[in-house]
Amino acid sequence: MADNEKKPVAHLIPAILTGAAALIASLTAVYVNVRDKAADKPPITAVAPKDDAAASAKPLPPLPSDKLQLQLDRIAVQHDGSIGTTDWRFAVEADDQPLFVFRQDDLDDTGGRNIVNPKDVHSVLRLAAGQHARIRIKGWRGSRLRLIEGEPDVTGEGAVGDGPLAPIPVKAQKDSAGAFVFYFSANRQNAE
């Protein structure tokens, strides 16, 4: 075979791949060594000057916390949001923390049928004596056409704390799109 004949390039591919693998392995080793040396250095931390008054101050004891049993007694339906009866789903939060979610089917604003007594809709929250919690209610009208949950159709806010609870109006921007009044009761018990 003469030296001036061209050989196929395919026989060089294994040598090229072996060289590339060796290069990658050596670069990885260099990277790991450099990274480990950088990690061995202690981190620089800032030290704040000590304040003698703050150092001698004792932490305050936690406020006594009571259990507050919050019960939804009834809903007065002013406008159910559609012709005929309407299904609704409501979420109740206390200070932006979820308390409970429930579904109320066949709400009707017709006189004589516009008061609903939900069954077993209650929750317990911890609230220090003398403090209040903000109650937020959101509601979504049931619909077979709604595939993605969006903004609530109705909203309302109130407060719970010491003393009687005021009724909480929950409604849409237009009353005809949904308007309700929620009546809660609260029973405070000392936490043990």
C-alpha atoms as a PDB file:
ATOM      1  CA  MET A   1       0.000   0.000   0.000  1.00  0.00           C
ATOM      2  CA  ALA A   2       1.395   3.369  -0.960  1.00  0.00           C
ATOM      3  CA  ASP A   3       1.777   6.243   1.507  1.00  0.00           C
ATOM      4  CA  ASN A   4       0.102   8.706  -0.784  1.00  0.00           C
ATOM      5  CA  GLU A   5      -3.228   6.858  -0.707  1.00  0.00           C
ATOM      6  CA  LYS A   6      -5.871   8.470   1.505  1.00  0.00           C
ATOM      7  CA  LYS A   7      -7.112   6.481   4.476  1.00  0.00           C
ATOM      8  CA  PRO A   8     -10.697   6.815   5.729  1.00  0.00           C
ATOM      9  CA  VAL A   9     -11.192   9.270   8.611  1.00  0.00           C
ATOM     10  CA  ALA A  10     -13.456   6.873  10.548  1.00  0.00           C
ATOM     11  CA  HIS A  11     -10.509   5.078  12.110  1.00  0.00           C
ATOM     12  CA  LEU A  12      -9.553   8.364  13.919  1.00  0.00           C
ATOM     13  CA  ILE A  13     -12.897   8.770  15.777  1.00  0.00           C
ATOM     14  CA  PRO A  14     -12.004   6.481  18.760  1.00  0.00           C
ATOM     15  CA  ALA A  15      -8.755   8.396  19.305  1.00  0.00           C
ATOM     16  CA  ILE A  16     -10.560  11.768  19.197  1.00  0.00           C
ATOM     17  CA  LEU A  17     -13.221  10.609  21.685  1.00  0.00           C
ATOM     18  CA  THR A  18     -10.572   9.224  24.065  1.00  0.00           C
ATOM     19  CA  GLY A  19      -8.675  12.514  23.970  1.00  0.00           C
ATOM     20  CA  ALA A  20     -11.827  14.540  24.603  1.00  0.00           C
ATOM     21  CA  ALA A  21     -12.738  12.350  27.599  1.00  0.00           C
ATOM     22  CA  ALA A  22      -9.244  12.800  29.062  1.00  0.00           C
ATOM     23  CA  LEU A  23      -9.479  16.584  28.611  1.00  0.00           C
ATOM     24  CA  ILE A  24     -12.883  16.730  30.352  1.00  0.00           C
ATOM     25  CA  ALA A  25     -11.581  14.600  33.249  1.00  0.00           C
ATOM     26  CA  SER A  26      -8.541  16.821  33.789  1.00  0.00           C
ATOM     27  CA  LEU A  27     -10.603  20.044  33.633  1.00  0.00           C
ATOM     28  CA  THR A  28     -13.045  18.573  36.166  1.00  0.00           C
ATOM     29  CA  ALA A  29     -10.175  17.735  38.527  1.00  0.00           C
ATOM     30  CA  VAL A  30      -8.818  21.294  38.279  1.00  0.00           C
ATOM     31  CA  TYR A  31     -12.269  22.762  38.970  1.00  0.00           C
ATOM     32  CA  VAL A  32     -12.817  20.534  42.020  1.00  0.00           C
ATOM     33  CA  ASN A  33      -9.407  21.438  43.460  1.00  0.00           C
ATOM     34  CA  VAL A  34      -9.961  25.164  42.992  1.00  0.00           C
ATOM     35  CA  ARG A  35     -13.463  24.963  44.465  1.00  0.00           C
ATOM     36  CA  ASP A  36     -12.283  22.977  47.511  1.00  0.00           C
ATOM     37  CA  LYS A  37      -9.476  25.468  48.234  1.00  0.00           C
ATOM     38  CA  ALA A  38     -11.974  28.347  48.088  1.00  0.00           C
ATOM     39  CA  ALA A  39     -14.305  26.486  50.456  1.00  0.00           C
ATOM     40  CA  ASP A  40     -11.499  25.955  53.010  1.00  0.00           C
ATOM     41  CA  LYS A  41     -11.304  29.691  53.709  1.00  0.00           C
ATOM     42  CA  PRO A  42     -13.474  30.709  56.660  1.00  0.00           C
ATOM     43  CA  PRO A  43     -16.396  32.949  55.717  1.00  0.00           C
ATOM     44  CA  ILE A  44     -16.143  36.619  56.580  1.00  0.00           C
ATOM     45  CA  THR A  45     -18.735  37.586  59.153  1.00  0.00           C
ATOM     46  CA  ALA A  46     -19.614  41.011  60.420  1.00  0.00           C
ATOM     47  CA  VAL A  47     -19.753  41.418  64.174  1.00  0.00           C
ATOM     48  CA  ALA A  48     -22.167  43.981  65.534  1.00  0.00           C
ATOM     49  CA  PRO A  49     -21.130  45.915  68.617  1.00  0.00           C
ATOM     50  CA  LYS A  50     -22.796  44.643  71.779  1.00  0.00           C
ATOM     51  CA  ASP A  51     -25.414  46.838  73.327  1.00  0.00           C
ATOM     52  CA  ASP A  52     -25.305  46.364  77.101  1.00  0.00           C
ATOM     53  CA  ALA A  53     -28.997  47.241  77.503  1.00  0.00           C
ATOM     54  CA  ALA A  54     -30.039  44.705  74.861  1.00  0.00           C
ATOM     55  CA  ALA A  55     -27.718  42.039  76.267  1.00  0.00           C
ATOM     56  CA  SER A  56     -29.165  42.386  79.764  1.00  0.00           C
ATOM     57  CA  ALA A  57     -32.806  42.430  78.599  1.00  0.00           C
ATOM     58  CA  LYS A  58     -34.733  39.260  79.258  1.00  0.00           C
ATOM     59  CA  PRO A  59     -37.039  37.833  76.604  1.00  0.00           C
ATOM     60  CA  LEU A  60     -40.688  38.597  77.176  1.00  0.00           C
ATOM     61  CA  PRO A  61     -42.868  35.669  78.187  1.00  0.00           C
ATOM     62  CA  PRO A  62     -45.381  34.602  75.550  1.00  0.00           C
ATOM     63  CA  LEU A  63     -48.857  36.036  75.855  1.00  0.00           C
ATOM     64  CA  PRO A  64     -51.445  33.599  77.141  1.00  0.00           C
ATOM     65  CA  SER A  65     -53.227  32.107  74.161  1.00  0.00           C
ATOM     66  CA  ASP A  66     -56.831  30.980  74.175  1.00  0.00           C
ATOM     67  CA  LYS A  67     -58.593  28.587  71.884  1.00  0.00           C
ATOM     68  CA  LEU A  68     -61.409  30.262  70.028  1.00  0.00           C
ATOM     69  CA  GLN A  69     -64.071  27.991  68.552  1.00  0.00           C
ATOM     70  CA  LEU A  70     -65.457  29.873  65.537  1.00  0.00           C
ATOM     71  CA  GLN A  71     -68.780  28.529  64.236  1.00  0.00           C
ATOM     72  CA  LEU A  72     -70.714  29.650  61.152  1.00  0.00           C
ATOM     73  CA  ASP A  73     -74.319  29.756  62.378  1.00  0.00           C
ATOM     74  CA  ARG A  74     -76.209  30.957  59.320  1.00  0.00           C
ATOM     75  CA  ILE A  75     -76.036  32.721  55.974  1.00  0.00           C
ATOM     76  CA  ALA A  76     -78.655  35.248  54.894  1.00  0.00           C
ATOM     77  CA  VAL A  77     -78.912  35.209  51.092  1.00  0.00           C
ATOM     78  CA  GLN A  78     -79.731  38.662  49.721  1.00  0.00           C
ATOM     79  CA  HIS A  79     -78.906  37.829  46.085  1.00  0.00           C
ATOM     80  CA  ASP A  80     -77.839  34.320  45.017  1.00  0.00           C
ATOM     81  CA  GLY A  81     -76.229  35.600  41.814  1.00  0.00           C
ATOM     82  CA  SER A  82     -78.451  33.945  39.204  1.00  0.00           C
ATOM     83  CA  ILE A  83     -81.996  33.081  38.236  1.00  0.00           C
ATOM     84  CA  GLY A  84     -83.210  30.171  40.355  1.00  0.00           C
ATOM     85  CA  THR A  85     -80.931  28.501  42.885  1.00  0.00           C
ATOM     86  CA  THR A  86     -77.148  28.735  42.786  1.00  0.00           C
ATOM     87  CA  ASP A  87     -74.314  26.581  44.139  1.00  0.00           C
ATOM     88  CA  TRP A  88     -71.519  28.422  45.932  1.00  0.00           C
ATOM     89  CA  ARG A  89     -68.140  27.522  47.452  1.00  0.00           C
ATOM     90  CA  PHE A  90     -66.786  29.675  50.295  1.00  0.00           C
ATOM     91  CA  ALA A  91     -63.345  29.951  51.933  1.00  0.00           C
ATOM     92  CA  VAL A  92     -62.907  31.548  55.368  1.00  0.00           C
ATOM     93  CA  GLU A  93     -59.503  32.848  56.529  1.00  0.00           C
ATOM     94  CA  ALA A  94     -58.268  34.365  59.789  1.00  0.00           C
ATOM     95  CA  ASP A  95     -55.302  36.735  59.393  1.00  0.00           C
ATOM     96  CA  ASP A  96     -54.607  35.279  55.919  1.00  0.00           C
ATOM     97  CA  GLN A  97     -54.487  31.701  57.277  1.00  0.00           C
ATOM     98  CA  PRO A  98     -57.148  29.260  56.011  1.00  0.00           C
ATOM     99  CA  LEU A  99     -59.757  28.190  58.564  1.00  0.00           C
ATOM    100  CA  PHE A 100     -62.228  26.210  56.489  1.00  0.00           C
ATOM    101  CA  VAL A 101     -63.686  25.788  53.024  1.00  0.00           C
ATOM    102  CA  PHE A 102     -67.202  24.559  52.403  1.00  0.00           C
ATOM    103  CA  ARG A 103     -69.700  24.179  49.616  1.00  0.00           C
ATOM    104  CA  GLN A 104     -73.290  25.362  49.916  1.00  0.00           C
ATOM    105  CA  ASP A 105     -75.617  24.106  47.202  1.00  0.00           C
ATOM    106  CA  ASP A 106     -78.963  25.529  46.068  1.00  0.00           C
ATOM    107  CA  LEU A 107     -78.738  28.982  47.651  1.00  0.00           C
ATOM    108  CA  ASP A 108     -81.949  30.881  46.988  1.00  0.00           C
ATOM    109  CA  ASP A 109     -82.788  34.558  47.529  1.00  0.00           C
ATOM    110  CA  THR A 110     -86.543  33.907  47.498  1.00  0.00           C
ATOM    111  CA  GLY A 111     -88.236  35.120  50.695  1.00  0.00           C
ATOM    112  CA  GLY A 112     -88.702  32.283  53.171  1.00  0.00           C
ATOM    113  CA  ARG A 113     -85.858  30.259  51.605  1.00  0.00           C
ATOM    114  CA  ASN A 114     -83.066  32.790  51.931  1.00  0.00           C
ATOM    115  CA  ILE A 115     -81.709  31.697  55.341  1.00  0.00           C
ATOM    116  CA  VAL A 116     -79.279  28.762  55.332  1.00  0.00           C
ATOM    117  CA  ASN A 117     -77.916  26.925  58.391  1.00  0.00           C
ATOM    118  CA  PRO A 118     -74.679  25.206  57.288  1.00  0.00           C
ATOM    119  CA  LYS A 119     -73.909  21.936  59.067  1.00  0.00           C
ATOM    120  CA  ASP A 120     -70.564  21.421  60.835  1.00  0.00           C
ATOM    121  CA  VAL A 121     -68.826  24.531  59.515  1.00  0.00           C
ATOM    122  CA  HIS A 122     -66.424  25.501  62.295  1.00  0.00           C
ATOM    123  CA  SER A 123     -62.762  25.777  63.201  1.00  0.00           C
ATOM    124  CA  VAL A 124     -60.524  26.456  66.184  1.00  0.00           C
ATOM    125  CA  LEU A 125     -57.935  29.226  66.191  1.00  0.00           C
ATOM    126  CA  ARG A 126     -55.541  30.461  68.856  1.00  0.00           C
ATOM    127  CA  LEU A 127     -55.955  34.071  69.827  1.00  0.00           C
ATOM    128  CA  ALA A 128     -54.361  35.883  72.773  1.00  0.00           C
ATOM    129  CA  ALA A 129     -56.752  37.605  75.154  1.00  0.00           C
ATOM    130  CA  GLY A 130     -57.446  41.148  74.037  1.00  0.00           C
ATOM    131  CA  GLN A 131     -56.293  40.539  70.462  1.00  0.00           C
ATOM    132  CA  HIS A 132     -58.396  40.445  67.327  1.00  0.00           C
ATOM    133  CA  ALA A 133     -58.150  38.407  64.144  1.00  0.00           C
ATOM    134  CA  ARG A 134     -59.240  39.669  60.754  1.00  0.00           C
ATOM    135  CA  ILE A 135     -61.766  37.331  59.146  1.00  0.00           C
ATOM    136  CA  ARG A 136     -61.868  37.279  55.344  1.00  0.00           C
ATOM    137  CA  ILE A 137     -64.524  35.392  53.385  1.00  0.00           C
ATOM    138  CA  LYS A 138     -64.238  34.603  49.673  1.00  0.00           C
ATOM    139  CA  GLY A 139     -66.901  32.966  47.536  1.00  0.00           C
ATOM    140  CA  TRP A 140     -67.045  31.448  44.054  1.00  0.00           C
ATOM    141  CA  ARG A 141     -70.286  30.807  42.194  1.00  0.00           C
ATOM    142  CA  GLY A 142     -70.580  27.237  40.935  1.00  0.00           C
ATOM    143  CA  SER A 143     -70.478  26.908  37.168  1.00  0.00           C
ATOM    144  CA  ARG A 144     -69.904  24.079  34.754  1.00  0.00           C
ATOM    145  CA  LEU A 145     -68.282  26.516  32.350  1.00  0.00           C
ATOM    146  CA  ARG A 146     -65.572  27.636  34.797  1.00  0.00           C
ATOM    147  CA  LEU A 147     -62.561  25.426  34.173  1.00  0.00           C
ATOM    148  CA  ILE A 148     -59.927  27.488  35.985  1.00  0.00           C
ATOM    149  CA  GLU A 149     -60.418  28.980  39.432  1.00  0.00           C
ATOM    150  CA  GLY A 150     -59.982  32.738  39.314  1.00  0.00           C
ATOM    151  CA  GLU A 151     -60.670  35.704  41.505  1.00  0.00           C
ATOM    152  CA  PRO A 152     -63.542  35.249  43.972  1.00  0.00           C
ATOM    153  CA  ASP A 153     -66.993  36.394  42.865  1.00  0.00           C
ATOM    154  CA  VAL A 154     -67.810  37.758  46.339  1.00  0.00           C
ATOM    155  CA  THR A 155     -65.656  38.907  49.278  1.00  0.00           C
ATOM    156  CA  GLY A 156     -66.166  40.280  52.767  1.00  0.00           C
ATOM    157  CA  GLU A 157     -64.164  41.133  55.890  1.00  0.00           C
ATOM    158  CA  GLY A 158     -64.822  41.367  59.592  1.00  0.00           C
ATOM    159  CA  ALA A 159     -63.065  40.800  62.926  1.00  0.00           C
ATOM    160  CA  VAL A 160     -63.212  38.299  65.745  1.00  0.00           C
ATOM    161  CA  GLY A 161     -61.915  38.870  69.251  1.00  0.00           C
ATOM    162  CA  ASP A 162     -63.364  39.682  72.645  1.00  0.00           C
ATOM    163  CA  GLY A 163     -67.054  40.496  72.610  1.00  0.00           C
ATOM    164  CA  PRO A 164     -69.890  39.724  70.214  1.00  0.00           C
ATOM    165  CA  LEU A 165     -69.217  39.205  66.516  1.00  0.00           C
ATOM    166  CA  ALA A 166     -70.845  41.553  64.061  1.00  0.00           C
ATOM    167  CA  PRO A 167     -72.474  40.055  60.961  1.00  0.00           C
ATOM    168  CA  ILE A 168     -70.098  40.083  57.978  1.00  0.00           C
ATOM    169  CA  PRO A 169     -71.462  41.242  54.596  1.00  0.00           C
ATOM    170  CA  VAL A 170     -70.013  39.230  51.707  1.00  0.00           C
ATOM    171  CA  LYS A 171     -70.828  40.532  48.258  1.00  0.00           C
ATOM    172  CA  ALA A 172     -69.794  41.270  44.701  1.00  0.00           C
ATOM    173  CA  GLN A 173     -69.299  44.751  43.285  1.00  0.00           C
ATOM    174  CA  LYS A 174     -72.851  44.495  41.916  1.00  0.00           C
ATOM    175  CA  ASP A 175     -75.278  43.068  44.480  1.00  0.00           C
ATOM    176  CA  SER A 176     -77.113  41.141  41.765  1.00  0.00           C
ATOM    177  CA  ALA A 177     -73.919  39.081  41.166  1.00  0.00           C
ATOM    178  CA  GLY A 178     -74.069  37.770  44.751  1.00  0.00           C
ATOM    179  CA  ALA A 179     -74.697  39.248  48.198  1.00  0.00           C
ATOM    180  CA  PHE A 180     -74.760  37.417  51.546  1.00  0.00           C
ATOM    181  CA  VAL A 181     -74.501  38.126  55.270  1.00  0.00           C
ATOM    182  CA  PHE A 182     -72.531  35.637  57.391  1.00  0.00           C
ATOM    183  CA  TYR A 183     -73.373  35.192  61.091  1.00  0.00           C
ATOM    184  CA  PHE A 184     -70.691  33.623  63.294  1.00  0.00           C
ATOM    185  CA  SER A 185     -70.533  32.699  66.968  1.00  0.00           C
ATOM    186  CA  ALA A 186     -67.338  32.304  68.985  1.00  0.00           C
ATOM    187  CA  ASN A 187     -66.651  30.372  72.150  1.00  0.00           C
ATOM    188  CA  ARG A 188     -63.385  31.228  73.946  1.00  0.00           C
ATOM    189  CA  GLN A 189     -61.669  28.564  76.065  1.00  0.00           C
ATOM    190  CA  ASN A 190     -58.380  28.831  77.950  1.00  0.00           C
ATOM    191  CA  ALA A 191     -55.612  26.850  76.255  1.00  0.00           C
ATOM    192  CA  GLU A 192     -53.938  24.251  78.419  1.00  0.00           C
END
